[in-house]
Protein backbone atom coordinates (compact mmCIF):
# COMPACT_ATOMS: atom_id res chain seq x y z
CA UNK A 1 0.13 0.17 0.08
CA UNK A 2 1.33 3.63 -0.88
CA UNK A 3 1.64 5.68 2.14
CA UNK A 4 -1.80 7.49 2.50
CA UNK A 5 -0.73 10.28 4.29
CA UNK A 6 1.83 11.22 1.65
CA UNK A 7 -0.65 10.62 -1.40
CA UNK A 8 -3.17 13.02 0.54
CA UNK A 9 -0.56 15.53 1.14
CA UNK A 10 0.39 15.46 -2.66
CA UNK A 11 -3.25 15.79 -3.64
CA UNK A 12 -3.58 18.94 -1.38
CA UNK A 13 -0.37 20.43 -2.69
CA UNK A 14 -1.82 19.95 -6.32
CA UNK A 15 -4.66 22.14 -5.44
CA UNK A 16 -2.13 25.03 -4.78
CA UNK A 17 -1.28 25.30 -8.53
CA UNK A 18 -3.53 23.28 -10.39
CA UNK A 19 -6.38 24.67 -12.52
CA UNK A 20 -9.50 24.81 -10.51
CA UNK A 21 -12.57 23.87 -12.59
CA UNK A 22 -15.22 26.50 -12.47
CA UNK A 23 -17.78 24.17 -10.82
CA UNK A 24 -15.13 23.14 -8.28
CA UNK A 25 -14.59 26.99 -7.55
CA UNK A 26 -18.42 27.47 -7.38
CA UNK A 27 -18.97 24.66 -4.97
CA UNK A 28 -16.20 26.02 -2.73
CA UNK A 29 -18.11 29.24 -2.62
CA UNK A 30 -21.19 27.30 -1.75
CA UNK A 31 -19.28 25.83 1.05
CA UNK A 32 -18.25 29.30 2.46
CA UNK A 33 -21.61 30.66 2.14
CA UNK A 34 -23.17 27.82 4.01
CA UNK A 35 -20.36 27.94 6.79
CA UNK A 36 -20.87 31.80 7.18
CA UNK A 37 -24.73 31.21 7.52
CA UNK A 38 -24.21 28.59 10.21
CA UNK A 39 -21.75 30.64 11.86
CA UNK A 40 -23.82 33.90 12.43
CA UNK A 41 -26.49 32.43 14.87
CA UNK A 42 -23.40 30.96 16.94
CA UNK A 43 -21.73 34.51 17.06
CA UNK A 44 -24.60 36.25 18.77
CA UNK A 45 -25.62 33.47 21.42
CA UNK A 46 -24.15 30.40 22.87
CA UNK A 47 -20.46 29.00 23.76
CA UNK A 48 -18.46 31.06 21.38
CA UNK A 49 -19.76 34.41 23.05
CA UNK A 50 -18.70 33.22 26.36
CA UNK A 51 -15.52 32.10 25.26
CA UNK A 52 -15.07 35.47 23.52
CA UNK A 53 -15.25 37.09 26.82
CA UNK A 54 -13.19 34.66 28.71
CA UNK A 55 -10.30 34.68 26.24
CA UNK A 56 -10.21 38.37 25.59
CA UNK A 57 -6.88 38.84 27.00
CA UNK A 58 -5.36 35.83 24.93
CA UNK A 59 -6.51 37.75 21.58
CA UNK A 60 -3.13 38.57 20.46
CA UNK A 61 -1.86 40.50 17.75
CA UNK A 62 -3.08 39.80 14.19
CA UNK A 63 -5.67 40.71 11.45
CA UNK A 64 -8.03 37.67 11.67
CA UNK A 65 -11.44 38.43 12.66
CA UNK A 66 -13.24 36.70 15.61
CA UNK A 67 -17.06 37.23 14.71
CA UNK A 68 -18.12 36.59 18.21
CA UNK A 69 -16.74 39.68 19.42
CA UNK A 70 -15.98 41.62 16.36
CA UNK A 71 -12.20 42.03 17.18
CA UNK A 72 -9.03 41.32 15.20
CA UNK A 73 -6.56 39.04 16.88
CA UNK A 74 -4.35 36.18 16.14
CA UNK A 75 -5.47 33.42 13.71
CA UNK A 76 -5.53 30.77 16.33
CA UNK A 77 -7.74 32.87 18.38
CA UNK A 78 -10.14 33.83 15.74
CA UNK A 79 -10.18 30.16 14.31
CA UNK A 80 -11.12 28.94 17.65
CA UNK A 81 -13.96 31.12 18.30
CA UNK A 82 -15.44 30.92 14.83
CA UNK A 83 -15.11 27.12 14.86
CA UNK A 84 -17.10 27.05 18.02
CA UNK A 85 -19.70 29.56 16.64
CA UNK A 86 -20.07 27.82 13.27
CA UNK A 87 -20.90 24.31 15.10
CA UNK A 88 -23.47 25.83 17.37
CA UNK A 89 -26.61 25.96 15.41
CA UNK A 90 -25.93 22.49 14.03
CA UNK A 91 -26.79 23.88 10.42
CA UNK A 92 -23.05 23.11 9.24
CA UNK A 93 -22.37 21.00 6.10
CA UNK A 94 -21.91 17.46 6.12
CA UNK A 95 -19.47 15.13 4.06
CA UNK A 96 -21.94 11.96 4.13
CA UNK A 97 -19.41 9.24 3.33
CA UNK A 98 -17.29 10.07 6.34
CA UNK A 99 -20.02 11.28 8.61
CA UNK A 100 -17.75 14.45 9.14
CA UNK A 101 -18.71 18.12 9.34
CA UNK A 102 -15.71 19.72 7.52
CA UNK A 103 -16.64 23.44 7.04
CA UNK A 104 -16.70 24.37 10.73
CA UNK A 105 -12.91 23.55 11.41
CA UNK A 106 -11.54 23.80 7.94
CA UNK A 107 -12.99 27.10 6.66
CA UNK A 108 -12.63 28.58 10.23
CA UNK A 109 -8.99 27.87 10.15
CA UNK A 110 -8.57 28.88 6.47
CA UNK A 111 -10.10 32.38 6.82
CA UNK A 112 -8.39 33.14 9.85
CA UNK A 113 -5.16 32.48 8.36
CA UNK A 114 -5.82 34.06 4.87
CA UNK A 115 -6.89 37.21 6.75
CA UNK A 116 -3.95 37.28 8.73
CA UNK A 117 -1.47 36.42 5.97
CA UNK A 118 -3.41 39.12 3.40
CA UNK A 119 -4.05 36.35 1.29
CA UNK A 120 -6.08 36.78 -2.06
CA UNK A 121 -9.26 35.03 -2.64
CA UNK A 122 -7.99 32.40 -4.94
CA UNK A 123 -5.46 31.29 -2.29
CA UNK A 124 -8.02 30.96 0.18
CA UNK A 125 -10.61 28.93 -1.84
CA UNK A 126 -7.80 26.63 -3.07
CA UNK A 127 -6.78 26.00 0.70
CA UNK A 128 -10.50 25.41 1.52
CA UNK A 129 -10.50 22.86 -1.22
CA UNK A 130 -7.38 21.08 -0.17
CA UNK A 131 -8.34 20.97 3.28
CA UNK A 132 -11.81 19.18 2.46
CA UNK A 133 -9.86 17.16 0.17
CA UNK A 134 -7.63 15.52 2.77
CA UNK A 135 -10.23 15.75 5.66
CA UNK A 136 -13.23 13.98 4.18
CA UNK A 137 -10.68 11.30 2.68
CA UNK A 138 -9.54 10.67 6.02
CA UNK A 139 -12.85 10.57 7.65
CA UNK A 140 -13.90 7.86 5.11
CA UNK A 141 -10.64 5.88 6.22
CA UNK A 142 -11.78 6.18 9.87
CA UNK A 143 -15.47 5.12 9.54
CA UNK A 144 -17.43 3.32 10.90
CA UNK A 145 -15.31 2.16 13.93
CA UNK A 146 -13.85 5.86 14.77
CA UNK A 147 -17.31 7.15 15.40
CA UNK A 148 -18.15 4.87 18.15
CA UNK A 149 -16.16 6.60 20.77
CA UNK A 150 -14.98 9.77 18.92
CA UNK A 151 -16.69 12.72 17.45
CA UNK A 152 -15.11 12.86 14.08
CA UNK A 153 -15.51 16.51 13.65
CA UNK A 154 -13.26 17.25 16.32
CA UNK A 155 -10.86 14.63 15.55
CA UNK A 156 -10.35 14.94 11.65
CA UNK A 157 -11.51 18.44 11.68
CA UNK A 158 -7.89 19.17 13.08
CA UNK A 159 -6.29 17.53 10.17
CA UNK A 160 -8.31 19.61 7.60
CA UNK A 161 -7.67 22.93 9.38
CA UNK A 162 -3.69 22.08 9.55
CA UNK A 163 -3.91 21.11 5.77
CA UNK A 164 -5.57 24.63 4.74
CA UNK A 165 -2.98 26.39 7.10
CA UNK A 166 -0.08 24.90 5.54
CA UNK A 167 -1.15 25.60 2.18
CA UNK A 168 -1.94 29.17 3.00
CA UNK A 169 1.61 29.52 4.36
CA UNK A 170 3.07 28.37 1.11
CA UNK A 171 3.96 24.82 2.09
CA UNK A 172 4.55 22.09 -0.57
CA UNK A 173 3.52 18.48 -0.33
CA UNK A 174 6.38 17.82 2.35
CA UNK A 175 5.32 20.41 4.50
CA UNK A 176 1.49 19.68 4.25
CA UNK A 177 2.49 16.20 5.13
CA UNK A 178 3.97 17.15 8.21
CA UNK A 179 1.04 19.37 8.95
CA UNK A 180 -0.99 16.20 8.85
CA UNK A 181 1.18 14.20 10.93
CA UNK A 182 1.48 16.81 13.65
CA UNK A 183 -2.37 17.39 13.62
CA UNK A 184 -2.86 13.49 14.53
CA UNK A 185 -1.02 14.07 17.80
CA UNK A 186 -3.50 17.08 18.55
CA UNK A 187 -6.85 15.72 17.42
CA UNK A 188 -9.67 14.86 20.01
CA UNK A 189 -13.13 14.86 21.37
CA UNK A 190 -15.15 12.05 22.27
CA UNK A 191 -18.80 10.77 22.13
CA UNK A 192 -19.78 11.28 25.42
CA UNK A 193 -19.49 15.27 25.05
CA UNK A 194 -21.69 14.85 21.87
CA UNK A 195 -24.18 12.48 23.13
CA UNK A 196 -24.21 13.55 26.70
CA UNK A 197 -25.22 16.59 28.66
CA UNK A 198 -23.14 19.90 28.47
CA UNK A 199 -22.29 22.63 26.13
CA UNK A 200 -18.71 20.84 24.69
CA UNK A 201 -19.72 19.78 21.46
CA UNK A 202 -19.15 23.10 19.61
CA UNK A 203 -15.97 23.43 21.35
CA UNK A 204 -14.76 20.23 19.67
CA UNK A 205 -14.86 22.00 16.39
CA UNK A 206 -13.24 25.23 17.58
CA UNK A 207 -10.42 23.20 19.21
CA UNK A 208 -9.95 21.41 15.97
CA UNK A 209 -9.52 24.80 14.00
CA UNK A 210 -7.41 26.13 16.36
CA UNK A 211 -5.28 23.00 16.85
CA UNK A 212 -5.19 22.57 13.12
CA UNK A 213 -3.53 26.10 12.65
CA UNK A 214 -1.34 25.33 15.27
CA UNK A 215 -0.02 22.14 13.49
CA UNK A 216 -0.04 24.18 10.04
CA UNK A 217 1.94 26.86 11.47
CA UNK A 218 4.28 24.29 12.99
CA UNK A 219 4.94 22.52 9.88
CA UNK A 220 5.69 25.52 8.09
CA UNK A 221 8.36 26.68 10.58
CA UNK A 222 10.17 23.37 9.89
CA UNK A 223 8.89 21.02 12.46
CA UNK A 224 8.44 17.58 11.44
CA UNK A 225 6.03 14.73 12.09
CA UNK A 226 6.25 10.88 11.38
CA UNK A 227 4.87 9.91 7.65
CA UNK A 228 3.21 6.94 8.82
CA UNK A 229 1.02 8.82 11.42
CA UNK A 230 -2.15 7.95 9.76
CA UNK A 231 -1.83 4.05 9.06
CA UNK A 232 0.98 2.63 11.23
CA UNK A 233 0.18 0.12 13.84
CA UNK A 234 0.65 2.68 16.45
CA UNK A 235 -0.85 5.50 14.23
CA UNK A 236 -4.09 7.65 14.59
CA UNK A 237 -6.34 5.21 12.76
CA UNK A 238 -5.27 2.19 15.03
CA UNK A 239 -5.43 4.48 18.19
CA UNK A 240 -8.82 5.58 17.43
CA UNK A 241 -10.51 2.64 15.72
CA UNK A 242 -10.61 -0.88 15.22
CA UNK A 243 -7.84 -1.17 12.44
CA UNK A 244 -5.30 0.91 10.70
CA UNK A 245 -7.97 2.50 8.41
CA UNK A 246 -9.66 1.74 5.08
CA UNK A 247 -7.46 3.75 3.00
CA UNK A 248 -8.73 2.08 -0.12
CA UNK A 249 -11.86 3.71 0.13
CA UNK A 250 -10.33 6.71 1.17
CA UNK A 251 -8.26 7.30 -1.85
CA UNK A 252 -10.93 5.86 -4.35
CA UNK A 253 -11.06 8.49 -7.22
CA UNK A 254 -8.50 10.82 -5.85
CA UNK A 255 -7.89 13.28 -8.77
CA UNK A 256 -10.93 12.37 -10.39
CA UNK A 257 -13.33 13.99 -7.85
CA UNK A 258 -13.10 16.24 -5.04
CA UNK A 259 -15.09 16.06 -1.74
CA UNK A 260 -16.21 19.72 -1.69
CA UNK A 261 -18.28 18.77 -4.82
CA UNK A 262 -20.04 15.98 -2.89
CA UNK A 263 -21.41 17.83 0.19
CA UNK A 264 -24.56 17.85 1.91
CA UNK A 265 -26.05 21.12 3.07
CA UNK A 266 -28.64 20.82 6.02
CA UNK A 267 -32.14 21.30 5.13
CA UNK A 268 -33.25 20.96 8.78
CA UNK A 269 -31.67 22.43 11.61
CA UNK A 270 -30.86 19.49 13.75
CA UNK A 271 -28.74 16.46 13.78
CA UNK A 272 -28.16 14.82 10.31
CA UNK A 273 -29.09 11.28 11.65
CA UNK A 274 -32.70 12.79 11.89
CA UNK A 275 -32.98 14.13 8.38
CA UNK A 276 -34.28 11.19 6.65
CA UNK A 277 -37.13 10.66 9.01
CA UNK A 278 -38.33 14.39 8.72
CA UNK A 279 -37.93 13.92 4.84
CA UNK A 280 -40.12 10.96 5.02
CA UNK A 281 -42.76 12.69 7.08
CA UNK A 282 -42.92 15.61 4.69
CA UNK A 283 -43.54 13.33 1.71
CA UNK A 284 -46.34 11.61 3.64
CA UNK A 285 -47.87 14.75 4.58
CA UNK A 286 -47.85 16.07 1.11
CA UNK A 287 -49.56 12.74 -0.12
CA UNK A 288 -52.15 12.55 2.56
CA UNK A 289 -52.01 15.59 5.13
CA UNK A 290 -52.37 15.11 8.85
CA UNK A 291 -51.64 17.29 11.95
CA UNK A 292 -49.91 16.47 15.09
CA UNK A 293 -53.21 15.67 16.95
CA UNK A 294 -53.96 13.16 14.20
CA UNK A 295 -50.92 10.96 15.13
CA UNK A 296 -51.52 7.71 17.52
CA UNK A 297 -47.79 6.39 16.78
CA UNK A 298 -44.83 6.86 14.78
CA UNK A 299 -42.39 4.05 14.29
CA UNK A 300 -38.81 5.00 12.88
CA UNK A 301 -36.25 2.44 11.75
CA UNK A 302 -32.85 3.70 11.11
CA UNK A 303 -29.01 2.95 11.50
CA UNK A 304 -27.35 2.60 14.83
CA UNK A 305 -26.45 6.27 15.28
CA UNK A 306 -30.32 7.38 14.63
CA UNK A 307 -30.94 5.20 17.91
CA UNK A 308 -27.97 5.73 19.96
CA UNK A 309 -27.57 9.53 19.34
CA UNK A 310 -31.21 10.85 18.60
CA UNK A 311 -33.43 8.71 20.60
CA UNK A 312 -33.80 11.29 23.21
CA UNK A 313 -36.93 11.93 25.28
CA UNK A 314 -35.24 14.20 27.89
CA UNK A 315 -35.38 17.58 26.26
CA UNK A 316 -34.36 20.43 28.23
CA UNK A 317 -32.48 22.90 26.14
CA UNK A 318 -32.10 23.94 22.23
CA UNK A 319 -29.00 21.55 22.13
CA UNK A 320 -30.89 18.69 23.44
CA UNK A 321 -33.64 19.28 21.18
CA UNK A 322 -31.45 19.24 18.18
CA UNK A 323 -30.52 15.74 18.75
CA UNK A 324 -33.87 14.47 19.75
CA UNK A 325 -35.66 12.61 16.99
CA UNK A 326 -38.85 12.57 18.99
CA UNK A 327 -38.73 16.59 19.52
CA UNK A 328 -37.79 17.17 15.91
CA UNK A 329 -40.70 14.95 14.81
CA UNK A 330 -43.12 16.92 17.13
CA UNK A 331 -41.74 20.17 16.04
CA UNK A 332 -42.18 19.29 12.07
CA UNK A 333 -45.93 18.46 12.87
CA UNK A 334 -46.79 21.58 15.06
CA UNK A 335 -44.33 24.11 13.34
CA UNK A 336 -44.32 22.85 9.74
CA UNK A 337 -40.35 22.70 9.57
CA UNK A 338 -37.31 22.23 11.97
CA UNK A 339 -35.36 25.63 11.51
CA UNK A 340 -34.26 27.95 13.90
CA UNK A 341 -37.57 28.87 15.08
CA UNK A 342 -38.14 25.17 16.28
CA UNK A 343 -35.37 25.69 19.18
CA UNK A 344 -36.52 28.95 20.69
CA UNK A 345 -37.61 28.95 24.27
CA UNK A 346 -41.20 29.30 23.06
CA UNK A 347 -40.87 26.39 21.11
CA UNK A 348 -39.27 24.25 23.66
CA UNK A 349 -42.37 25.06 25.89
CA UNK A 350 -45.05 24.04 23.46
CA UNK A 351 -47.28 21.50 24.93
CA UNK A 352 -48.34 20.31 21.53
CA UNK A 353 -44.67 19.29 20.52
CA UNK A 354 -44.21 17.47 23.86
CA UNK A 355 -47.24 15.52 23.34
CA UNK A 356 -46.05 14.07 20.06
CA UNK A 357 -42.78 12.78 21.83
CA UNK A 358 -43.97 9.81 23.76
CA UNK A 359 -45.86 8.47 20.68
CA UNK A 360 -42.36 8.11 18.65
CA UNK A 361 -40.26 4.95 18.92
CA UNK A 362 -36.92 4.52 17.50
CA UNK A 363 -35.39 1.11 16.40
CA UNK A 364 -32.31 -0.05 14.04
CA UNK A 365 -33.10 -1.82 10.85
CA UNK A 366 -30.16 -4.23 9.86
CA UNK A 367 -30.41 -3.49 6.17
CA UNK A 368 -30.45 0.24 6.67
CA UNK A 369 -27.26 0.05 9.23
CA UNK A 370 -25.39 -2.11 6.57
CA UNK A 371 -25.71 0.69 4.34
CA UNK A 372 -24.25 3.50 6.75
CA UNK A 373 -22.51 6.01 6.52
CA UNK A 374 -22.82 5.92 2.60
CA UNK A 375 -26.59 5.84 2.80
CA UNK A 376 -28.71 7.51 5.41
CA UNK A 377 -31.95 6.01 5.40
CA UNK A 378 -35.05 5.72 7.32
CA UNK A 379 -38.34 3.53 7.32
CA UNK A 380 -41.18 5.29 8.93
CA UNK A 381 -44.73 3.97 9.99
CA UNK A 382 -47.43 6.52 11.07
CA UNK A 383 -50.44 5.28 12.66
CA UNK A 384 -53.25 7.80 12.64
CA UNK A 385 -56.04 7.85 15.35
CA UNK A 386 -58.72 7.26 12.45
CA UNK A 387 -56.93 3.93 12.01
CA UNK A 388 -54.99 4.96 8.72
CA UNK A 389 -51.65 3.74 8.51
CA UNK A 390 -48.90 5.61 6.36
CA UNK A 391 -45.51 4.16 5.57
CA UNK A 392 -42.54 5.51 3.68
CA UNK A 393 -38.97 3.98 3.02
CA UNK A 394 -36.84 7.26 2.74
CA UNK A 395 -33.76 6.24 0.54
CA UNK A 396 -32.32 9.78 0.43
CA UNK A 397 -31.86 13.01 2.37
CA UNK A 398 -32.78 16.41 1.05
CA UNK A 399 -29.52 18.28 0.90
CA UNK A 400 -27.60 14.96 -0.11
CA UNK A 401 -25.48 15.06 -3.14
CA UNK A 402 -28.10 12.89 -5.04
CA UNK A 403 -31.00 15.43 -3.71
CA UNK A 404 -28.89 18.65 -3.35
CA UNK A 405 -30.02 21.96 -2.36
CA UNK A 406 -29.94 24.42 -5.40
CA UNK A 407 -28.28 27.55 -5.22
CA UNK A 408 -31.83 29.47 -4.79
CA UNK A 409 -32.42 26.90 -1.79
CA UNK A 410 -28.94 27.46 -0.16
CA UNK A 411 -29.43 31.29 -0.65
CA UNK A 412 -32.89 31.14 1.01
CA UNK A 413 -31.26 29.42 4.13
CA UNK A 414 -28.41 31.96 4.35
CA UNK A 415 -31.07 34.65 4.09
CA UNK A 416 -33.03 32.91 6.97
CA UNK A 417 -30.08 32.66 9.25
CA UNK A 418 -28.16 35.68 8.43
CA UNK A 419 -31.49 37.93 8.63
CA UNK A 420 -31.92 37.01 12.14
CA UNK A 421 -28.56 38.55 13.20
CA UNK A 422 -27.68 41.08 10.46
CA UNK A 423 -29.13 44.35 9.28
CA UNK A 424 -31.67 43.14 6.53
CA UNK A 425 -30.22 45.50 4.16
CA UNK A 426 -26.96 43.91 4.27
CA UNK A 427 -28.04 40.43 3.73
CA UNK A 428 -28.45 40.01 0.04
CA UNK A 429 -25.35 41.99 -0.98
CA UNK A 430 -23.18 39.81 1.19
CA UNK A 431 -24.74 36.70 0.10
CA UNK A 432 -24.21 37.88 -3.79
CA UNK A 433 -20.31 38.80 -2.80
CA UNK A 434 -19.80 35.29 -1.58
CA UNK A 435 -21.63 33.20 -4.02
CA UNK A 436 -21.71 35.06 -7.32
CA UNK A 437 -19.68 38.14 -7.43
CA UNK A 438 -16.25 36.56 -6.85
CA UNK A 439 -15.58 38.56 -3.75
CA UNK A 440 -16.07 35.86 -0.94
CA UNK A 441 -12.69 36.83 0.94
CA UNK A 442 -13.63 40.72 0.71
CA UNK A 443 -16.91 40.03 2.11
CA UNK A 444 -15.67 38.44 5.08
CA UNK A 445 -12.54 40.72 5.46
CA UNK A 446 -14.42 43.14 8.13
CA UNK A 447 -16.20 42.55 11.38
CA UNK A 448 -19.93 42.93 11.07
CA UNK A 449 -22.27 44.67 13.27
CA UNK A 450 -24.32 41.72 14.61
CA UNK A 451 -27.75 42.19 16.56
CA UNK A 452 -27.77 41.05 20.11
CA UNK A 453 -23.98 41.38 20.74
CA UNK A 454 -23.10 42.09 24.23
């Protein structure tokens, strides 16, 4: 087997100089737009705001923007706070085949370093594409065993952030390889702080962005790591999973397709393991309308994570609600969709949503489980109080590469999330700069007046 770390480093280095196809450049802009949409709610409320206050004295010198406090500082500081903010509202992108959210750690790091370095937009977008290339493929190699105990966005995100940083520092393939190797020693974040109580999950992404910048800066300064860090018997895959990694799957199509063009953009503001169920219910309700009060029982069959992470009856916070399949079903039936309004204090207190939750059961279907992570399916059975039974086998998720959000749908998502925290007059011009006008780095190169900032 060829050394996968070196193969991936070569692939990232190629993105620094090769021609970027127009469609890939556009896909990178879509990723940046979606990242910023996901960041904005977390920049005015949640862990990033508290962290910005707590770490004010550690801001340091630099030109990178931390949107949670609107100040310029060192790239590591900005990457950390932006990584936390962009993983708070649970609206950030997904690489389905790796079960991984690359945008939050990777773009948070790439933007901070690009701003601090004074890089141009071309270099920034290339670094984002390269960071996604490596991080997403490493995630494929580690799944599914890694995810049983480790939060893959907090772990692999460190590697993606390191690659982007090394690229923006002008690193060649050797430098990028050392950045990957160093990052494997910094990568952490376990499942209990994803599945259990607390507010640590968004910090995983922030730490990944911060630690990835550190790894990239270290490699750019000439520090080295083991080239066997990913696949050796004592390397990262073996240390965090059951074997040394499925590198054949990870390297499949390298040079022919790139992960940033196969992203899932969230259509629902909750955990992605719930999406197929919500999509199935939307189809059933379109075919035969019913309301929350008409439901006697809903049975959901999915893959293991559907049950282990999202079978959650105790909902005391927005964070709990975003990971509760029962709550999200109730919210869909009562409110009509599961977006930001589903997680307000007013929504959490609605008795109509709470009344639905005990009627929902979750189980694992062996066939659906066998297709995970490349297929995210659900089998939904709805029994109504009038005796009707509705069934749907949902084989896709809206937003996945095989049923993608259009540019118009992605723009509408941005307008909804950004419109809640920005001056409405600034939303459309900002969106156009990022997605269409070819000035995404310029659009993000200044602090923004965020409503509700303390």
